[in-house]
Structures are given as C-alpha cells and as structure tokens.
PDB file of N, CA and C in Angstrom:
ATOM      1  N   MET A   1     151.332 107.393  50.666  1.00  0.00           N
ATOM      2  CA  MET A   1     150.754 106.366  49.820  1.00  0.00           C
ATOM      3  C   MET A   1     149.541 105.768  50.519  1.00  0.00           C
ATOM      4  N   ARG A   2     148.641 105.232  49.707  1.00  0.00           N
ATOM      5  CA  ARG A   2     147.438 104.584  50.236  1.00  0.00           C
ATOM      6  C   ARG A   2     147.238 103.239  49.560  1.00  0.00           C
ATOM      7  N   ARG A   3     146.660 102.331  50.334  1.00  0.00           N
ATOM      8  CA  ARG A   3     146.324 101.035  49.763  1.00  0.00           C
ATOM      9  C   ARG A   3     145.123 101.218  48.844  1.00  0.00           C
ATOM     10  N   LEU A   4     145.260 100.755  47.629  1.00  0.00           N
ATOM     11  CA  LEU A   4     144.212 100.868  46.626  1.00  0.00           C
ATOM     12  C   LEU A   4     143.419  99.575  46.506  1.00  0.00           C
ATOM     13  N   TYR A   5     144.106  98.444  46.554  1.00  0.00           N
ATOM     14  CA  TYR A   5     143.467  97.178  46.203  1.00  0.00           C
ATOM     15  C   TYR A   5     144.179  96.029  46.895  1.00  0.00           C
ATOM     16  N   THR A   6     143.408  95.068  47.340  1.00  0.00           N
ATOM     17  CA  THR A   6     143.959  93.828  47.884  1.00  0.00           C
ATOM     18  C   THR A   6     143.602  92.722  46.911  1.00  0.00           C
ATOM     19  N   ALA A   7     144.608  92.101  46.349  1.00  0.00           N
ATOM     20  CA  ALA A   7     144.411  91.061  45.332  1.00  0.00           C
ATOM     21  C   ALA A   7     144.306  89.689  45.986  1.00  0.00           C
ATOM     22  N   GLY A   8     143.673  88.778  45.293  1.00  0.00           N
ATOM     23  CA  GLY A   8     143.533  87.411  45.781  1.00  0.00           C
ATOM     24  C   GLY A   8     144.806  86.602  45.602  1.00  0.00           C
ATOM     25  N   HIS A   9     145.628  86.997  44.620  1.00  0.00           N
ATOM     26  CA  HIS A   9     146.883  86.294  44.343  1.00  0.00           C
ATOM     27  C   HIS A   9     147.805  87.231  43.568  1.00  0.00           C
ATOM     28  N   LEU A  10     149.057  86.858  43.486  1.00  0.00           N
ATOM     29  CA  LEU A  10     150.077  87.725  42.895  1.00  0.00           C
ATOM     30  C   LEU A  10     149.852  88.024  41.407  1.00  0.00           C
ATOM     31  N   PRO A  11     149.458  87.049  40.575  1.00  0.00           N
ATOM     32  CA  PRO A  11     149.212  87.398  39.171  1.00  0.00           C
ATOM     33  C   PRO A  11     148.125  88.463  39.006  1.00  0.00           C
ATOM     34  N   GLU A  12     147.090  88.405  39.820  1.00  0.00           N
ATOM     35  CA  GLU A  12     146.036  89.430  39.759  1.00  0.00           C
ATOM     36  C   GLU A  12     146.608  90.805  40.110  1.00  0.00           C
ATOM     37  N   ALA A  13     147.453  90.850  41.124  1.00  0.00           N
ATOM     38  CA  ALA A  13     148.058  92.114  41.537  1.00  0.00           C
ATOM     39  C   ALA A  13     148.905  92.703  40.407  1.00  0.00           C
ATOM     40  N   TYR A  14     149.679  91.852  39.730  1.00  0.00           N
ATOM     41  CA  TYR A  14     150.531  92.355  38.656  1.00  0.00           C
ATOM     42  C   TYR A  14     149.739  92.732  37.409  1.00  0.00           C
ATOM     43  N   LEU A  15     148.648  92.064  37.160  1.00  0.00           N
ATOM     44  CA  LEU A  15     147.786  92.447  36.047  1.00  0.00           C
ATOM     45  C   LEU A  15     147.274  93.870  36.257  1.00  0.00           C
ATOM     46  N   LEU A  16     146.779  94.135  37.458  1.00  0.00           N
ATOM     47  CA  LEU A  16     146.280  95.469  37.774  1.00  0.00           C
ATOM     48  C   LEU A  16     147.419  96.488  37.812  1.00  0.00           C
ATOM     49  N   LEU A  17     148.564  96.092  38.321  1.00  0.00           N
ATOM     50  CA  LEU A  17     149.730  96.984  38.346  1.00  0.00           C
ATOM     51  C   LEU A  17     150.062  97.464  36.937  1.00  0.00           C
ATOM     52  N   HIS A  18     150.067  96.552  35.980  1.00  0.00           N
ATOM     53  CA  HIS A  18     150.389  96.931  34.600  1.00  0.00           C
ATOM     54  C   HIS A  18     149.297  97.803  33.987  1.00  0.00           C
ATOM     55  N   MET A  19     148.051  97.572  34.350  1.00  0.00           N
ATOM     56  CA  MET A  19     146.979  98.451  33.875  1.00  0.00           C
ATOM     57  C   MET A  19     147.173  99.864  34.415  1.00  0.00           C
ATOM     58  N   LEU A  20     147.522  99.962  35.694  1.00  0.00           N
ATOM     59  CA  LEU A  20     147.750 101.278  36.295  1.00  0.00           C
ATOM     60  C   LEU A  20     148.928 101.976  35.623  1.00  0.00           C
ATOM     61  N   GLU A  21     150.017 101.246  35.423  1.00  0.00           N
ATOM     62  CA  GLU A  21     151.197 101.839  34.804  1.00  0.00           C
ATOM     63  C   GLU A  21     150.919 102.293  33.383  1.00  0.00           C
ATOM     64  N   SER A  22     150.065 101.560  32.658  1.00  0.00           N
ATOM     65  CA  SER A  22     149.741 101.966  31.293  1.00  0.00           C
ATOM     66  C   SER A  22     148.935 103.266  31.267  1.00  0.00           C
ATOM     67  N   GLU A  23     148.311 103.609  32.402  1.00  0.00           N
ATOM     68  CA  GLU A  23     147.567 104.871  32.523  1.00  0.00           C
ATOM     69  C   GLU A  23     148.448 105.976  33.114  1.00  0.00           C
ATOM     70  N   GLY A  24     149.718 105.675  33.319  1.00  0.00           N
ATOM     71  CA  GLY A  24     150.641 106.667  33.862  1.00  0.00           C
ATOM     72  C   GLY A  24     150.558 106.821  35.370  1.00  0.00           C
ATOM     73  N   ILE A  25     150.030 105.813  36.048  1.00  0.00           N
ATOM     74  CA  ILE A  25     149.882 105.852  37.502  1.00  0.00           C
ATOM     75  C   ILE A  25     150.945 104.938  38.120  1.00  0.00           C
ATOM     76  N   ALA A  26     151.817 105.532  38.917  1.00  0.00           N
ATOM     77  CA  ALA A  26     152.836 104.742  39.593  1.00  0.00           C
ATOM     78  C   ALA A  26     152.194 103.983  40.743  1.00  0.00           C
ATOM     79  N   ALA A  27     152.462 102.698  40.811  1.00  0.00           N
ATOM     80  CA  ALA A  27     151.903 101.854  41.865  1.00  0.00           C
ATOM     81  C   ALA A  27     152.976 100.897  42.354  1.00  0.00           C
ATOM     82  N   GLN A  28     152.738 100.345  43.510  1.00  0.00           N
ATOM     83  CA  GLN A  28     153.689  99.419  44.108  1.00  0.00           C
ATOM     84  C   GLN A  28     152.929  98.234  44.695  1.00  0.00           C
ATOM     85  N   VAL A  29     153.487  97.030  44.509  1.00  0.00           N
ATOM     86  CA  VAL A  29     152.897  95.824  45.078  1.00  0.00           C
ATOM     87  C   VAL A  29     153.605  95.540  46.396  1.00  0.00           C
ATOM     88  N   PHE A  30     152.820  95.433  47.459  1.00  0.00           N
ATOM     89  CA  PHE A  30     153.345  95.035  48.763  1.00  0.00           C
ATOM     90  C   PHE A  30     152.919  93.601  49.054  1.00  0.00           C
ATOM     91  N   ASN A  31     153.619  92.947  49.940  1.00  0.00           N
ATOM     92  CA  ASN A  31     153.359  91.571  50.361  1.00  0.00           C
ATOM     93  C   ASN A  31     153.638  90.560  49.253  1.00  0.00           C
ATOM     94  N   GLU A  32     154.562  90.872  48.364  1.00  0.00           N
ATOM     95  CA  GLU A  32     154.879  89.949  47.277  1.00  0.00           C
ATOM     96  C   GLU A  32     155.354  88.597  47.794  1.00  0.00           C
ATOM     97  N   ASN A  33     156.132  88.606  48.833  1.00  0.00           N
ATOM     98  CA  ASN A  33     156.735  87.368  49.337  1.00  0.00           C
ATOM     99  C   ASN A  33     156.120  86.897  50.643  1.00  0.00           C
ATOM    100  N   ALA A  34     154.965  87.431  50.987  1.00  0.00           N
ATOM    101  CA  ALA A  34     154.357  87.114  52.276  1.00  0.00           C
ATOM    102  C   ALA A  34     153.655  85.756  52.297  1.00  0.00           C
ATOM    103  N   GLN A  35     153.408  85.156  51.125  1.00  0.00           N
ATOM    104  CA  GLN A  35     152.715  83.870  51.093  1.00  0.00           C
ATOM    105  C   GLN A  35     153.462  82.804  51.895  1.00  0.00           C
ATOM    106  N   GLY A  36     154.764  82.925  51.981  1.00  0.00           N
ATOM    107  CA  GLY A  36     155.562  81.973  52.756  1.00  0.00           C
ATOM    108  C   GLY A  36     155.292  82.048  54.247  1.00  0.00           C
ATOM    109  N   GLY A  37     154.665  83.123  54.687  1.00  0.00           N
ATOM    110  CA  GLY A  37     154.373  83.295  56.099  1.00  0.00           C
ATOM    111  C   GLY A  37     153.038  82.738  56.531  1.00  0.00           C
ATOM    112  N   VAL A  38     152.268  82.192  55.582  1.00  0.00           N
ATOM    113  CA  VAL A  38     150.956  81.639  55.931  1.00  0.00           C
ATOM    114  C   VAL A  38     151.169  80.508  56.939  1.00  0.00           C
ATOM    115  N   GLY A  39     150.411  80.556  57.988  1.00  0.00           N
ATOM    116  CA  GLY A  39     150.570  79.609  59.083  1.00  0.00           C
ATOM    117  C   GLY A  39     151.138  80.306  60.302  1.00  0.00           C
ATOM    118  N   GLU A  40     152.114  81.160  60.055  1.00  0.00           N
ATOM    119  CA  GLU A  40     152.683  81.979  61.120  1.00  0.00           C
ATOM    120  C   GLU A  40     151.947  83.310  61.200  1.00  0.00           C
ATOM    121  N   LEU A  41     151.453  83.759  60.043  1.00  0.00           N
ATOM    122  CA  LEU A  41     150.696  85.005  59.952  1.00  0.00           C
ATOM    123  C   LEU A  41     149.274  84.670  59.519  1.00  0.00           C
ATOM    124  N   PRO A  42     148.293  85.482  59.894  1.00  0.00           N
ATOM    125  CA  PRO A  42     146.944  85.256  59.370  1.00  0.00           C
ATOM    126  C   PRO A  42     146.974  85.382  57.838  1.00  0.00           C
ATOM    127  N   PHE A  43     146.268  84.490  57.148  1.00  0.00           N
ATOM    128  CA  PHE A  43     146.342  84.487  55.687  1.00  0.00           C
ATOM    129  C   PHE A  43     145.875  85.804  55.080  1.00  0.00           C
ATOM    130  N   THR A  44     144.969  86.503  55.754  1.00  0.00           N
ATOM    131  CA  THR A  44     144.500  87.785  55.210  1.00  0.00           C
ATOM    132  C   THR A  44     145.584  88.859  55.230  1.00  0.00           C
ATOM    133  N   HIS A  45     146.625  88.651  56.019  1.00  0.00           N
ATOM    134  CA  HIS A  45     147.726  89.608  56.071  1.00  0.00           C
ATOM    135  C   HIS A  45     148.785  89.319  55.011  1.00  0.00           C
ATOM    136  N   THR A  46     148.596  88.246  54.255  1.00  0.00           N
ATOM    137  CA  THR A  46     149.591  87.877  53.252  1.00  0.00           C
ATOM    138  C   THR A  46     149.124  88.153  51.826  1.00  0.00           C
ATOM    139  N   TYR A  47     147.915  88.665  51.657  1.00  0.00           N
ATOM    140  CA  TYR A  47     147.430  88.965  50.312  1.00  0.00           C
ATOM    141  C   TYR A  47     148.257  90.090  49.700  1.00  0.00           C
ATOM    142  N   PRO A  48     148.557  90.012  48.410  1.00  0.00           N
ATOM    143  CA  PRO A  48     149.261  91.114  47.746  1.00  0.00           C
ATOM    144  C   PRO A  48     148.383  92.371  47.728  1.00  0.00           C
ATOM    145  N   GLU A  49     149.004  93.504  47.957  1.00  0.00           N
ATOM    146  CA  GLU A  49     148.284  94.782  47.986  1.00  0.00           C
ATOM    147  C   GLU A  49     148.917  95.743  46.990  1.00  0.00           C
ATOM    148  N   LEU A  50     148.077  96.554  46.355  1.00  0.00           N
ATOM    149  CA  LEU A  50     148.555  97.610  45.468  1.00  0.00           C
ATOM    150  C   LEU A  50     148.389  98.943  46.179  1.00  0.00           C
ATOM    151  N   TRP A  51     149.449  99.704  46.185  1.00  0.00           N
ATOM    152  CA  TRP A  51     149.455 101.013  46.818  1.00  0.00           C
ATOM    153  C   TRP A  51     149.806 102.067  45.779  1.00  0.00           C
ATOM    154  N   VAL A  52     149.162 103.228  45.884  1.00  0.00           N
ATOM    155  CA  VAL A  52     149.415 104.352  44.972  1.00  0.00           C
ATOM    156  C   VAL A  52     149.594 105.629  45.783  1.00  0.00           C
ATOM    157  N   GLU A  53     150.139 106.627  45.127  1.00  0.00           N
ATOM    158  CA  GLU A  53     150.280 107.949  45.749  1.00  0.00           C
ATOM    159  C   GLU A  53     148.895 108.556  45.937  1.00  0.00           C
ATOM    160  N   ASP A  54     148.740 109.362  46.970  1.00  0.00           N
ATOM    161  CA  ASP A  54     147.457 110.003  47.266  1.00  0.00           C
ATOM    162  C   ASP A  54     146.928 110.804  46.073  1.00  0.00           C
ATOM    163  N   ARG A  55     147.807 111.483  45.365  1.00  0.00           N
ATOM    164  CA  ARG A  55     147.381 112.338  44.251  1.00  0.00           C
ATOM    165  C   ARG A  55     146.777 111.535  43.094  1.00  0.00           C
ATOM    166  N   ASP A  56     147.122 110.238  42.993  1.00  0.00           N
ATOM    167  CA  ASP A  56     146.634 109.390  41.901  1.00  0.00           C
ATOM    168  C   ASP A  56     145.456 108.511  42.300  1.00  0.00           C
ATOM    169  N   LEU A  57     144.990 108.644  43.531  1.00  0.00           N
ATOM    170  CA  LEU A  57     143.994 107.716  44.067  1.00  0.00           C
ATOM    171  C   LEU A  57     142.696 107.696  43.260  1.00  0.00           C
ATOM    172  N   ASP A  58     142.160 108.841  42.896  1.00  0.00           N
ATOM    173  CA  ASP A  58     140.896 108.877  42.152  1.00  0.00           C
ATOM    174  C   ASP A  58     141.034 108.233  40.774  1.00  0.00           C
ATOM    175  N   ARG A  59     142.098 108.575  40.056  1.00  0.00           N
ATOM    176  CA  ARG A  59     142.308 107.964  38.738  1.00  0.00           C
ATOM    177  C   ARG A  59     142.533 106.465  38.866  1.00  0.00           C
ATOM    178  N   ALA A  60     143.256 106.059  39.899  1.00  0.00           N
ATOM    179  CA  ALA A  60     143.533 104.637  40.106  1.00  0.00           C
ATOM    180  C   ALA A  60     142.252 103.866  40.431  1.00  0.00           C
ATOM    181  N   ARG A  61     141.361 104.480  41.181  1.00  0.00           N
ATOM    182  CA  ARG A  61     140.087 103.811  41.494  1.00  0.00           C
ATOM    183  C   ARG A  61     139.279 103.556  40.226  1.00  0.00           C
ATOM    184  N   SER A  62     139.321 104.469  39.274  1.00  0.00           N
ATOM    185  CA  SER A  62     138.580 104.249  38.029  1.00  0.00           C
ATOM    186  C   SER A  62     139.189 103.098  37.230  1.00  0.00           C
ATOM    187  N   VAL A  63     140.501 102.919  37.310  1.00  0.00           N
ATOM    188  CA  VAL A  63     141.147 101.783  36.648  1.00  0.00           C
ATOM    189  C   VAL A  63     140.720 100.478  37.319  1.00  0.00           C
ATOM    190  N   VAL A  64     140.637 100.482  38.647  1.00  0.00           N
ATOM    191  CA  VAL A  64     140.196  99.284  39.380  1.00  0.00           C
ATOM    192  C   VAL A  64     138.757  98.943  39.006  1.00  0.00           C
ATOM    193  N   GLU A  65     137.907  99.944  38.886  1.00  0.00           N
ATOM    194  CA  GLU A  65     136.512  99.691  38.483  1.00  0.00           C
ATOM    195  C   GLU A  65     136.462  99.034  37.114  1.00  0.00           C
ATOM    196  N   ARG A  66     137.269  99.513  36.192  1.00  0.00           N
ATOM    197  CA  ARG A  66     137.317  98.920  34.854  1.00  0.00           C
ATOM    198  C   ARG A  66     137.866  97.494  34.920  1.00  0.00           C
ATOM    199  N   PHE A  67     138.846  97.261  35.780  1.00  0.00           N
ATOM    200  CA  PHE A  67     139.448  95.940  35.960  1.00  0.00           C
ATOM    201  C   PHE A  67     138.437  94.937  36.505  1.00  0.00           C
ATOM    202  N   GLU A  68     137.585  95.386  37.425  1.00  0.00           N
ATOM    203  CA  GLU A  68     136.620  94.499  38.060  1.00  0.00           C
ATOM    204  C   GLU A  68     135.349  94.292  37.237  1.00  0.00           C
ATOM    205  N   ARG A  69     135.104  95.155  36.275  1.00  0.00           N
ATOM    206  CA  ARG A  69     133.908  95.042  35.450  1.00  0.00           C
ATOM    207  C   ARG A  69     134.029  93.820  34.550  1.00  0.00           C
ATOM    208  N   PRO A  70     132.994  92.983  34.512  1.00  0.00           N
ATOM    209  CA  PRO A  70     133.065  91.801  33.640  1.00  0.00           C
ATOM    210  C   PRO A  70     133.181  92.205  32.176  1.00  0.00           C
ATOM    211  N   GLN A  71     134.019  91.500  31.472  1.00  0.00           N
ATOM    212  CA  GLN A  71     134.233  91.782  30.061  1.00  0.00           C
ATOM    213  C   GLN A  71     133.267  90.978  29.204  1.00  0.00           C
ATOM    214  N   GLU A  72     132.787  91.581  28.159  1.00  0.00           N
ATOM    215  CA  GLU A  72     131.935  90.876  27.204  1.00  0.00           C
ATOM    216  C   GLU A  72     132.804  89.895  26.430  1.00  0.00           C
ATOM    217  N   THR A  73     132.315  88.711  26.250  1.00  0.00           N
ATOM    218  CA  THR A  73     133.019  87.712  25.468  1.00  0.00           C
ATOM    219  C   THR A  73     132.926  88.076  23.991  1.00  0.00           C
ATOM    220  N   LEU A  74     134.033  87.927  23.286  1.00  0.00           N
ATOM    221  CA  LEU A  74     134.017  88.207  21.862  1.00  0.00           C
ATOM    222  C   LEU A  74     133.014  87.302  21.167  1.00  0.00           C
ATOM    223  N   ASN A  75     132.354  87.826  20.185  1.00  0.00           N
ATOM    224  CA  ASN A  75     131.395  87.078  19.378  1.00  0.00           C
ATOM    225  C   ASN A  75     130.226  86.557  20.194  1.00  0.00           C
ATOM    226  N   SER A  76     129.865  87.237  21.261  1.00  0.00           N
ATOM    227  CA  SER A  76     128.694  86.805  22.023  1.00  0.00           C
ATOM    228  C   SER A  76     127.466  86.939  21.129  1.00  0.00           C
ATOM    229  N   PHE A  77     126.430  86.189  21.471  1.00  0.00           N
ATOM    230  CA  PHE A  77     125.243  86.216  20.634  1.00  0.00           C
ATOM    231  C   PHE A  77     123.984  86.151  21.478  1.00  0.00           C
ATOM    232  N   THR A  78     122.906  86.616  20.899  1.00  0.00           N
ATOM    233  CA  THR A  78     121.602  86.558  21.534  1.00  0.00           C
ATOM    234  C   THR A  78     120.805  85.452  20.860  1.00  0.00           C
ATOM    235  N   CYS A  79     120.237  84.571  21.655  1.00  0.00           N
ATOM    236  CA  CYS A  79     119.469  83.437  21.140  1.00  0.00           C
ATOM    237  C   CYS A  79     118.249  83.938  20.374  1.00  0.00           C
ATOM    238  N   THR A  80     118.050  83.383  19.188  1.00  0.00           N
ATOM    239  CA  THR A  80     116.903  83.788  18.368  1.00  0.00           C
ATOM    240  C   THR A  80     115.594  83.175  18.860  1.00  0.00           C
ATOM    241  N   VAL A  81     115.692  82.147  19.719  1.00  0.00           N
ATOM    242  CA  VAL A  81     114.492  81.485  20.219  1.00  0.00           C
ATOM    243  C   VAL A  81     113.985  82.147  21.497  1.00  0.00           C
ATOM    244  N   CYS A  82     114.880  82.275  22.490  1.00  0.00           N
ATOM    245  CA  CYS A  82     114.429  82.793  23.792  1.00  0.00           C
ATOM    246  C   CYS A  82     114.940  84.195  24.106  1.00  0.00           C
ATOM    247  N   GLY A  83     115.879  84.710  23.296  1.00  0.00           N
ATOM    248  CA  GLY A  83     116.383  86.059  23.516  1.00  0.00           C
ATOM    249  C   GLY A  83     117.457  86.175  24.581  1.00  0.00           C
ATOM    250  N   GLU A  84     117.971  85.054  25.086  1.00  0.00           N
ATOM    251  CA  GLU A  84     118.990  85.067  26.136  1.00  0.00           C
ATOM    252  C   GLU A  84     120.359  85.401  25.547  1.00  0.00           C
ATOM    253  N   HIS A  85     121.165  86.153  26.290  1.00  0.00           N
ATOM    254  CA  HIS A  85     122.524  86.521  25.894  1.00  0.00           C
ATOM    255  C   HIS A  85     123.461  85.362  26.242  1.00  0.00           C
ATOM    256  N   ASN A  86     124.321  84.959  25.288  1.00  0.00           N
ATOM    257  CA  ASN A  86     125.237  83.829  25.456  1.00  0.00           C
ATOM    258  C   ASN A  86     126.663  84.231  25.113  1.00  0.00           C
ATOM    259  N   PRO A  87     127.659  83.663  25.806  1.00  0.00           N
ATOM    260  CA  PRO A  87     129.056  83.918  25.459  1.00  0.00           C
ATOM    261  C   PRO A  87     129.373  83.365  24.071  1.00  0.00           C
ATOM    262  N   GLY A  88     130.376  83.936  23.430  1.00  0.00           N
ATOM    263  CA  GLY A  88     130.750  83.517  22.087  1.00  0.00           C
ATOM    264  C   GLY A  88     131.292  82.106  22.000  1.00  0.00           C
ATOM    265  N   THR A  89     131.718  81.540  23.109  1.00  0.00           N
ATOM    266  CA  THR A  89     132.263  80.186  23.097  1.00  0.00           C
ATOM    267  C   THR A  89     131.186  79.109  23.124  1.00  0.00           C
ATOM    268  N   PHE A  90     129.931  79.490  23.317  1.00  0.00           N
ATOM    269  CA  PHE A  90     128.834  78.521  23.368  1.00  0.00           C
ATOM    270  C   PHE A  90     128.330  78.223  21.960  1.00  0.00           C
ATOM    271  N   GLU A  91     128.002  76.974  21.706  1.00  0.00           N
ATOM    272  CA  GLU A  91     127.394  76.575  20.436  1.00  0.00           C
ATOM    273  C   GLU A  91     125.882  76.471  20.565  1.00  0.00           C
ATOM    274  N   LEU A  92     125.402  76.267  21.798  1.00  0.00           N
ATOM    275  CA  LEU A  92     123.981  76.165  22.090  1.00  0.00           C
ATOM    276  C   LEU A  92     123.628  77.223  23.123  1.00  0.00           C
ATOM    277  N   CYS A  93     122.390  77.671  23.098  1.00  0.00           N
ATOM    278  CA  CYS A  93     121.921  78.618  24.106  1.00  0.00           C
ATOM    279  C   CYS A  93     121.933  77.931  25.469  1.00  0.00           C
ATOM    280  N   TRP A  94     122.504  78.567  26.470  1.00  0.00           N
ATOM    281  CA  TRP A  94     122.575  77.951  27.795  1.00  0.00           C
ATOM    282  C   TRP A  94     121.189  77.861  28.421  1.00  0.00           C
ATOM    283  N   ASN A  95     120.252  78.708  28.000  1.00  0.00           N
ATOM    284  CA  ASN A  95     118.942  78.768  28.607  1.00  0.00           C
ATOM    285  C   ASN A  95     117.970  77.742  28.018  1.00  0.00           C
ATOM    286  N   CYS A  96     117.900  77.695  26.673  1.00  0.00           N
ATOM    287  CA  CYS A  96     116.874  76.825  26.055  1.00  0.00           C
ATOM    288  C   CYS A  96     117.470  75.687  25.216  1.00  0.00           C
ATOM    289  N   GLY A  97     118.787  75.714  24.989  1.00  0.00           N
ATOM    290  CA  GLY A  97     119.432  74.635  24.231  1.00  0.00           C
ATOM    291  C   GLY A  97     119.341  74.785  22.723  1.00  0.00           C
ATOM    292  N   ALA A  98     118.796  75.881  22.246  1.00  0.00           N
ATOM    293  CA  ALA A  98     118.685  76.088  20.794  1.00  0.00           C
ATOM    294  C   ALA A  98     120.075  76.295  20.212  1.00  0.00           C
ATOM    295  N   PRO A  99     120.324  75.780  18.983  1.00  0.00           N
ATOM    296  CA  PRO A  99     121.633  75.985  18.354  1.00  0.00           C
ATOM    297  C   PRO A  99     121.860  77.454  18.004  1.00  0.00           C
ATOM    298  N   ARG A 100     123.107  77.810  17.983  1.00  0.00           N
ATOM    299  CA  ARG A 100     123.495  79.176  17.621  1.00  0.00           C
ATOM    300  C   ARG A 100     123.081  79.441  16.173  1.00  0.00           C
ATOM    301  N   ALA A 101     122.489  80.581  15.929  1.00  0.00           N
ATOM    302  CA  ALA A 101     122.019  80.890  14.565  1.00  0.00           C
ATOM    303  C   ALA A 101     123.165  81.248  13.662  1.00  0.00           C
TER     304      ALA A 101
END
C-alpha cells in the first residue's frame, strides 16, 4: 500500500474515501484516532492519511485531482458591466458592484 493523500481533518479524509470507493478503489484511512496524541506527537504526524493499493495508485490520483479542483458554483454569472465571473450566491458583482442581470 502507498500513502495517497494527507487530509487536514477527518471529515475531509472520509469525503475523499467515499469518492474513491464510488470509483471502485479500495482505500483505508490511517491516523483516525491520532488527534488525541497532539502535544505528545508532532501535529503533522496526526493528520489523517488515505492509503491505497499500488495497483490503484494512478486511478486514485486522478480522483484526488478532481477532489482538489475548485467546483463551479451553481448559477454563476458573468457581469454584464465589467465581464467578471461571479458565484451564483452573489447578488452584486464583486468587482464593480453592478446588480446581477
């Protein structure tokens, strides 16, 4: 097995774990309970890690790339005044303040 990813926190690790499993890639989370050791252990040694079999490493890396890629916000819009791209949750353009068309 090889370490594929070091997560910042346990929910992130499990989110990626479920993405991997949905692609048919068996993965395992290590350091699930290591947070209790912070102070006695260096904090970088307590981060949750995802490990996969060597044969699945390339496919798993592509899932991680998709996981790390920023997602487009639903209903995003381009400002008609300045042409700036805005998330769908904005009512005004973040760049020029023009109202959403």
